[in-house]
């Protein structure tokens, strides 16, 4: 094997191999960035969902408190009406 054949072999086989390796490393770096960005996106979504969940929990508690107070007032009013009817009916 002489130098011309060796140079030709490296040119024909080495360049595609070197290019393939270069492209694999570039794709790998791109994939790492993509996964990192995706993780950040999931974290942001999780934070927003947590905020919405807390807000809904607070609103539910406020609704329960309001309707509990409202029902208590109605029960008192009905108890007063019943008491007046008993007194007035006797």
Foldseek 3Di string as FASTA:
>chain_A
DDPVVVVVCCVVPVVVVVVVVVVVVVVVVVVVVVVVVVVVVVVVVVVVVVVVVVVVVVVVVVVVVVVVVVVVVVVVVVVVVVVVCVVVVD
